[in-house]
Each structure stands twice: as C-alpha cells, then as structure tokens.
Amino acid sequence: MDNITLGNVSVTRVWEYFGAVDMTPDTFFPESPKEAWEDSASWLAPHFLDAETNIVNSALQTWVLRSEGRTILVDTGVGNHKERPYAPVWSHRETDFLANLARAGVRPEDVDIVINTHLHIDHVGWNTYLEDRQWVPTFPNATYLMPKDDFEFWNPENGHYTVLGRGNQNVFEDSVVPVHRAGRTLLWEGSHQIDANLRLEAAPGHTPGSSVLTLTSGTDRAVFVGDMLHSPVQIIEPDSNSCFCEDPAGARATRRKVLGWAADNNALLIPAHLGGHGAAEVAREGSRFAIKGWAPFAPYTERV
C-alpha cells in the first residue's frame, strides 16, 4: 500500500530512488555509537543498511497530500539532468519520477502547493525541469513554500560557510532561482498555516531554515520531519546527528523536541529518506525513544 488516510488527509508515497548512498554508518553518523548499529543489525537490513557492504541505504521520495481539495507535495527529491559535480550519485539522474507521480494520479499542473522542508540538493530537484535548455518550474500552478532562512543561507551571493562545502553547488541556481523568478515562491518565517489540517514550523539545526510539517486532523496526528533524521537509529540515539547538520547542538535539540511531541501525541513520524515502511510511531524510553510500530506503506527494496 502506498496510500494511507489520516483524518481528512490522504498521504501517498511516490518514489524517486532507493539504494546505497556510498556512506558507512560511522561516516554518515559520526556521533552514533557503534553498538547501536550492531544491536539493531537484525532489522536495519535490508531497508536501512546493506549488511554485506555496511553501506547505508536511503530513499528519495515525495509525500503527496490531499487536503481541503488541494494537492500538496512535500519535498521534490533530486530531479533529472542536474549538474552535481560534488555529489556524483545525484548528478545527471534519469528517473521515472514524473511517471510515478502520474501513477499516483497527479499531473504537474494539478499541484497546488510544493513544500521544500529545506533547500538541500535532494529536496528541491524536481522543483524544475529542463525545457529548451532552460530550467522552468515543474509544477506551473503551484505555490512553492520555502523557508526564508534557508533561501538566504543557500544563496551563493551571501557567501555563507556550510559543512557541505561545495556539495550543494548549482542547486540554488537551477532548482530555486527559476521558481522564484517565475513568482511562484512564498518565503515564510517562524510558522505558516497552510489549512486547518497542516502547519509548517521552523525546526532549525540540520540547516538554518529546516522545517517540519505537522498534520492534525480528527484524532490523527503526523509530522513530516524532512532531514531531522536519516536513519531509524537516530530515534534510538536521538543525540546522533548526521554529518550534514550545520548546527549540531540545534539539530539535537530539534530532534528531541519533535520526537517528544510525536511520542506524546501518538503521531506518525515521517522522515524524508527512510526506506522500508517509510514512517514509524515512536514512544519514550527513558531519555531516549523507541520504535513502537511501522506505517503500513509497502516496503521498497529494488535497487535502482
């Protein structure tokens, strides 16, 4: 199953990629205890870790929400044909993402809102596509909601230092600027109420403008957390950051805060990059957290 309903909101998972990201746990998550991976080995493979190579597996996926008559996309992956000299795994991709989106019943012109939880390379790629050698908005009728803090941070003209080095090179120019130039962006700060069911909240740490999307409808709760975590090991070890976090202390604080809210409100935790069932319910376990159950989304194990 690729679709669930939470209150009055339907949530559909649309795949772009699943597979290795060429990083071992100690490189991707340098602060995580080795024993956390060893103790979890039996269930981390194959969806989150390749047992033979010890390489982390990751998913690129867009969450399609239908709420109050509107079609909303949460994050847009890597995209096709993008020049990514310092991230070769994401360079010049040729995926069937738009066909997968069509199979979910969504044409580009049907999309009303695009949410970029932050402006990293793997969250904004399908904001644009190549037409007559020009980057143009993929979703021509959509308002693109972008955190203002990330918009300013990733603008190369502002010269900010980043732990990515050149890893985000070309992203602002080919996946953000064309949308902004077309007048399709809304740059928000602090929080942004989308409708009665959906609210964006600032959740800085991973990047200055990182955000989470909270879904509250009827008795159901969910929170789309972007890159607040990349692996379920970070639920068990909430103080373990990825190597891509700009503000390590802020990332840890945000992770604990959001995990606590999810546990206390029986909310489904929906990160951007989890393979397998893609989302989980969590519970408090002393000063840490535990996975209480997985979402009913169908696992995806094909290597692309």
Protein backbone atom coordinates (compact mmCIF):
# COMPACT_ATOMS: atom_id res chain seq x y z
CA MET A 1 0.00 0.00 0.00
CA ASP A 2 1.36 3.41 -0.99
CA ASN A 3 -1.53 5.44 0.41
CA ILE A 4 -2.97 5.98 3.87
CA THR A 5 -5.61 8.33 5.24
CA LEU A 6 -5.07 10.41 8.36
CA GLY A 7 -8.25 12.17 9.39
CA ASN A 8 -9.38 14.09 6.33
CA VAL A 9 -5.97 14.00 4.64
CA SER A 10 -4.71 11.32 2.28
CA VAL A 11 -0.97 10.63 2.21
CA THR A 12 0.64 8.95 -0.81
CA ARG A 13 4.27 7.90 -1.12
CA VAL A 14 5.89 8.49 -4.52
CA TRP A 15 9.36 7.05 -5.11
CA GLU A 16 12.29 8.55 -6.94
CA TYR A 17 15.18 6.35 -5.72
CA PHE A 18 16.13 3.66 -3.25
CA GLY A 19 19.61 2.32 -2.69
CA ALA A 20 23.09 2.94 -1.39
CA VAL A 21 24.40 6.42 -0.67
CA ASP A 22 28.06 5.30 -0.56
CA MET A 23 28.48 6.07 3.13
CA THR A 24 29.05 3.78 6.10
CA PRO A 25 27.32 4.47 9.42
CA ASP A 26 30.49 5.83 11.04
CA THR A 27 30.87 8.34 8.18
CA PHE A 28 27.22 9.29 7.80
CA PHE A 29 26.55 9.41 11.55
CA PRO A 30 29.93 10.03 13.19
CA GLU A 31 28.39 10.66 16.61
CA SER A 32 26.36 7.46 16.76
CA PRO A 33 27.60 4.61 18.97
CA LYS A 34 28.86 1.63 17.01
CA GLU A 35 26.93 -0.72 19.30
CA ALA A 36 23.64 0.93 18.32
CA TRP A 37 24.16 -0.31 14.77
CA GLU A 38 25.40 -3.71 15.90
CA ASP A 39 22.46 -4.24 18.26
CA SER A 40 19.99 -3.23 15.53
CA ALA A 41 21.60 -5.15 12.68
CA SER A 42 18.84 -7.77 12.51
CA TRP A 43 16.18 -5.25 11.49
CA LEU A 44 18.22 -2.50 9.82
CA ALA A 45 18.93 -4.75 6.84
CA PRO A 46 17.94 -4.53 4.04
CA HIS A 47 15.88 -1.34 4.17
CA PHE A 48 18.27 0.90 6.08
CA LEU A 49 21.64 -0.80 5.80
CA ASP A 50 23.31 -3.20 3.37
CA ALA A 51 24.54 -5.99 5.61
CA GLU A 52 27.21 -7.16 3.15
CA THR A 53 28.82 -3.81 2.40
CA ASN A 54 27.91 -1.92 5.59
CA ILE A 55 26.69 0.94 3.39
CA VAL A 56 23.67 2.99 4.43
CA ASN A 57 20.59 2.67 2.24
CA SER A 58 18.39 5.68 1.66
CA ALA A 59 15.18 6.56 -0.13
CA LEU A 60 14.25 9.61 -2.15
CA GLN A 61 10.51 10.07 -2.06
CA THR A 62 7.87 12.74 -2.27
CA TRP A 63 4.86 12.70 0.01
CA VAL A 64 1.66 13.69 -1.80
CA LEU A 65 -1.01 15.12 0.48
CA ARG A 66 -4.57 15.83 -0.49
CA SER A 67 -6.12 18.23 1.99
CA GLU A 68 -9.15 20.51 1.71
CA GLY A 69 -9.34 19.98 -2.04
CA ARG A 70 -5.71 20.82 -2.73
CA THR A 71 -2.79 18.65 -3.87
CA ILE A 72 0.39 19.25 -1.88
CA LEU A 73 3.88 17.82 -2.41
CA VAL A 74 6.35 17.52 0.46
CA ASP A 75 9.92 17.72 -0.92
CA THR A 76 10.88 17.06 -4.53
CA GLY A 77 13.99 14.89 -4.48
CA VAL A 78 16.98 15.20 -6.78
CA GLY A 79 15.49 15.73 -10.23
CA ASN A 80 16.77 14.79 -13.68
CA HIS A 81 19.62 16.21 -15.76
CA LYS A 82 21.07 18.24 -12.88
CA GLU A 83 24.80 19.01 -12.92
CA ARG A 84 26.12 17.99 -9.49
CA PRO A 85 29.94 17.88 -9.71
CA TYR A 86 30.46 17.38 -5.98
CA ALA A 87 27.61 14.89 -5.49
CA PRO A 88 28.07 12.40 -8.34
CA VAL A 89 25.44 9.97 -7.04
CA TRP A 90 22.82 12.68 -7.76
CA SER A 91 24.32 14.03 -10.97
CA HIS A 92 22.54 13.69 -14.34
CA ARG A 93 19.90 11.33 -13.00
CA GLU A 94 17.32 9.81 -15.35
CA THR A 95 14.44 8.55 -13.22
CA ASP A 96 10.75 7.93 -13.83
CA PHE A 97 9.64 10.21 -11.02
CA LEU A 98 7.04 12.12 -13.04
CA ALA A 99 5.62 8.84 -14.33
CA ASN A 100 5.46 7.58 -10.75
CA LEU A 101 3.67 10.78 -9.79
CA ALA A 102 1.22 10.25 -12.66
CA ARG A 103 0.54 6.72 -11.41
CA ALA A 104 -0.45 8.33 -8.11
CA GLY A 105 -2.98 10.40 -10.06
CA VAL A 106 -1.00 13.65 -10.06
CA ARG A 107 -0.09 15.66 -13.16
CA PRO A 108 2.33 18.57 -12.73
CA GLU A 109 -0.41 21.09 -13.44
CA ASP A 110 -2.58 19.55 -10.69
CA VAL A 111 -0.20 20.51 -7.88
CA ASP A 112 -1.33 23.46 -5.76
CA ILE A 113 1.49 23.64 -3.20
CA VAL A 114 5.09 22.41 -3.11
CA ILE A 115 6.75 22.31 0.30
CA ASN A 116 10.54 22.28 0.46
CA THR A 117 11.29 21.39 4.07
CA HIS A 118 14.78 22.81 3.44
CA LEU A 119 16.88 23.60 0.38
CA HIS A 120 19.36 20.75 0.19
CA ILE A 121 20.25 19.09 -3.09
CA ASP A 122 17.90 16.12 -2.53
CA HIS A 123 14.80 18.11 -1.53
CA VAL A 124 14.37 20.61 -4.35
CA GLY A 125 15.48 18.84 -7.54
CA TRP A 126 12.08 18.36 -9.15
CA ASN A 127 11.15 21.97 -8.43
CA THR A 128 12.32 22.48 -12.00
CA TYR A 129 12.84 20.57 -15.22
CA LEU A 130 14.78 21.23 -18.39
CA GLU A 131 12.77 22.71 -21.27
CA ASP A 132 14.53 24.11 -24.35
CA ARG A 133 17.78 24.16 -22.34
CA GLN A 134 16.19 26.34 -19.64
CA TRP A 135 15.18 25.39 -16.10
CA VAL A 136 11.47 26.06 -15.61
CA PRO A 137 9.05 25.25 -12.77
CA THR A 138 7.88 21.65 -12.98
CA PHE A 139 4.61 22.49 -11.25
CA PRO A 140 3.43 25.62 -13.07
CA ASN A 141 0.36 26.35 -10.96
CA ALA A 142 1.89 25.66 -7.56
CA THR A 143 3.00 27.97 -4.79
CA TYR A 144 6.40 26.79 -3.59
CA LEU A 145 6.76 27.22 0.17
CA MET A 146 10.42 27.75 1.08
CA PRO A 147 11.89 28.69 4.46
CA LYS A 148 13.26 32.22 4.18
CA ASP A 149 16.25 31.38 6.39
CA ASP A 150 17.34 28.62 4.02
CA PHE A 151 16.67 30.78 0.96
CA GLU A 152 19.12 33.35 2.33
CA PHE A 153 21.61 30.80 3.63
CA TRP A 154 21.94 28.89 0.35
CA ASN A 155 22.06 31.93 -1.90
CA PRO A 156 25.70 31.86 -3.09
CA GLU A 157 25.77 35.65 -3.19
CA ASN A 158 25.58 35.69 0.62
CA GLY A 159 28.78 33.67 1.00
CA HIS A 160 27.77 31.53 3.99
CA TYR A 161 30.08 28.77 5.23
CA THR A 162 28.47 25.31 5.09
CA VAL A 163 29.54 21.87 6.24
CA LEU A 164 28.62 20.63 2.75
CA GLY A 165 31.47 22.56 1.21
CA ARG A 166 30.57 22.57 -2.48
CA GLY A 167 28.08 19.71 -2.10
CA ASN A 168 25.09 21.95 -2.83
CA GLN A 169 26.72 23.60 -5.85
CA ASN A 170 24.31 24.67 -8.64
CA VAL A 171 21.25 23.77 -6.57
CA PHE A 172 20.16 27.32 -5.79
CA GLU A 173 20.70 28.40 -9.39
CA ASP A 174 18.86 25.55 -11.15
CA SER A 175 16.20 24.48 -8.62
CA VAL A 176 15.36 27.60 -6.60
CA VAL A 177 16.05 30.73 -8.64
CA PRO A 178 13.89 29.72 -11.66
CA VAL A 179 10.89 29.20 -9.40
CA HIS A 180 11.48 32.45 -7.53
CA ARG A 181 11.98 34.36 -10.78
CA ALA A 182 8.66 32.99 -12.04
CA GLY A 183 6.92 34.47 -9.00
CA ARG A 184 5.92 31.07 -7.63
CA THR A 185 7.64 31.17 -4.20
CA LEU A 186 6.36 32.10 -0.78
CA LEU A 187 9.22 32.64 1.67
CA TRP A 188 7.97 32.07 5.20
CA GLU A 189 9.45 32.54 8.67
CA GLY A 190 8.65 31.03 12.07
CA SER A 191 5.49 29.17 11.13
CA HIS A 192 2.98 29.03 8.31
CA GLN A 193 -0.58 27.71 8.48
CA ILE A 194 -1.46 26.01 5.20
CA ASP A 195 -5.01 24.97 6.09
CA ALA A 196 -6.96 23.60 9.05
CA ASN A 197 -5.01 20.31 8.85
CA LEU A 198 -1.45 21.36 8.01
CA ARG A 199 1.05 23.71 9.62
CA LEU A 200 4.72 24.37 8.89
CA GLU A 201 7.02 25.07 11.84
CA ALA A 202 10.64 26.13 11.91
CA ALA A 203 12.91 23.29 13.11
CA PRO A 204 16.47 24.60 12.67
CA GLY A 205 19.65 22.63 13.16
CA HIS A 206 20.13 20.44 10.13
CA THR A 207 20.05 23.68 8.16
CA PRO A 208 19.19 27.17 9.42
CA GLY A 209 15.77 27.03 7.79
CA SER A 210 14.88 23.35 8.25
CA SER A 211 11.21 22.85 8.99
CA VAL A 212 8.65 20.22 9.90
CA LEU A 213 5.08 19.87 8.66
CA THR A 214 2.54 18.94 11.30
CA LEU A 215 -0.69 17.19 10.30
CA THR A 216 -3.58 17.36 12.75
CA SER A 217 -6.91 16.05 11.50
CA GLY A 218 -9.63 14.47 13.62
CA THR A 219 -7.89 12.17 16.08
CA ASP A 220 -4.91 11.56 13.78
CA ARG A 221 -1.51 13.19 14.06
CA ALA A 222 1.61 13.06 11.90
CA VAL A 223 4.77 15.07 11.47
CA PHE A 224 6.85 15.21 8.28
CA VAL A 225 10.35 15.87 9.56
CA GLY A 226 12.50 16.19 6.43
CA ASP A 227 16.12 15.51 7.37
CA MET A 228 15.67 15.78 11.12
CA LEU A 229 16.73 12.15 10.90
CA HIS A 230 18.06 9.96 8.09
CA SER A 231 18.04 6.61 9.87
CA PRO A 232 15.82 4.97 12.48
CA VAL A 233 18.95 4.60 14.60
CA GLN A 234 18.52 8.33 15.33
CA ILE A 235 15.23 7.54 17.05
CA ILE A 236 17.00 5.17 19.40
CA GLU A 237 20.02 7.50 19.69
CA PRO A 238 18.43 10.98 19.38
CA ASP A 239 21.68 12.84 20.07
CA SER A 240 23.34 11.33 16.99
CA ASN A 241 23.49 13.80 14.12
CA SER A 242 24.26 13.16 10.50
CA CYS A 243 27.48 14.63 9.12
CA PHE A 244 25.36 17.13 7.17
CA CYS A 245 23.98 19.09 10.13
CA GLU A 246 25.00 22.75 10.05
CA ASP A 247 24.29 23.34 13.76
CA PRO A 248 24.92 20.11 15.70
CA ALA A 249 23.55 21.36 19.03
CA GLY A 250 20.47 22.82 17.36
CA ALA A 251 19.87 19.61 15.42
CA ARG A 252 19.98 17.53 18.60
CA ALA A 253 17.59 19.89 20.40
CA THR A 254 15.15 19.91 17.49
CA ARG A 255 15.24 16.11 17.18
CA ARG A 256 14.47 15.59 20.86
CA LYS A 257 11.69 18.18 20.79
CA VAL A 258 9.95 16.73 17.74
CA LEU A 259 10.40 13.10 18.82
CA GLY A 260 8.92 14.02 22.19
CA TRP A 261 5.91 15.65 20.53
CA ALA A 262 5.39 12.63 18.27
CA ALA A 263 5.59 10.23 21.22
CA ASP A 264 3.27 12.28 23.44
CA ASN A 265 0.68 12.77 20.69
CA ASN A 266 0.79 9.28 19.14
CA ALA A 267 1.83 10.95 15.90
CA LEU A 268 3.23 9.15 12.88
CA LEU A 269 6.84 10.25 12.32
CA ILE A 270 7.52 10.64 8.58
CA PRO A 271 11.14 11.41 7.61
CA ALA A 272 12.23 12.19 4.08
CA HIS A 273 14.61 9.32 3.44
CA LEU A 274 13.54 6.16 5.24
CA GLY A 275 13.17 3.06 3.09
CA GLY A 276 11.15 0.11 4.32
CA HIS A 277 7.77 1.20 5.63
CA GLY A 278 8.91 4.81 5.49
CA ALA A 279 7.39 6.07 8.72
CA ALA A 280 7.03 4.99 12.34
CA GLU A 281 5.24 5.56 15.60
CA VAL A 282 7.58 6.26 18.48
CA ALA A 283 7.45 6.02 22.26
CA ARG A 284 9.53 7.47 25.06
CA GLU A 285 12.01 5.06 26.60
CA GLY A 286 13.77 6.80 29.46
CA SER A 287 15.88 9.60 27.98
CA ARG A 288 15.64 8.02 24.54
CA PHE A 289 12.92 6.82 22.23
CA ALA A 290 11.79 3.53 20.78
CA ILE A 291 10.03 2.46 17.60
CA LYS A 292 6.53 1.43 18.59
CA GLY A 293 5.33 0.38 15.15
CA TRP A 294 5.81 0.96 11.44
CA ALA A 295 3.44 2.64 9.00
CA PRO A 296 1.56 0.39 6.57
CA PHE A 297 3.31 1.71 3.46
CA ALA A 298 4.69 -1.10 1.30
CA PRO A 299 8.48 -1.52 1.56
CA TYR A 300 10.56 -0.80 -1.48
CA THR A 301 13.65 -2.98 -1.89
CA GLU A 302 14.52 -2.75 -5.58
CA ARG A 303 18.00 -1.34 -6.17
CA VAL A 304 17.97 1.47 -8.72
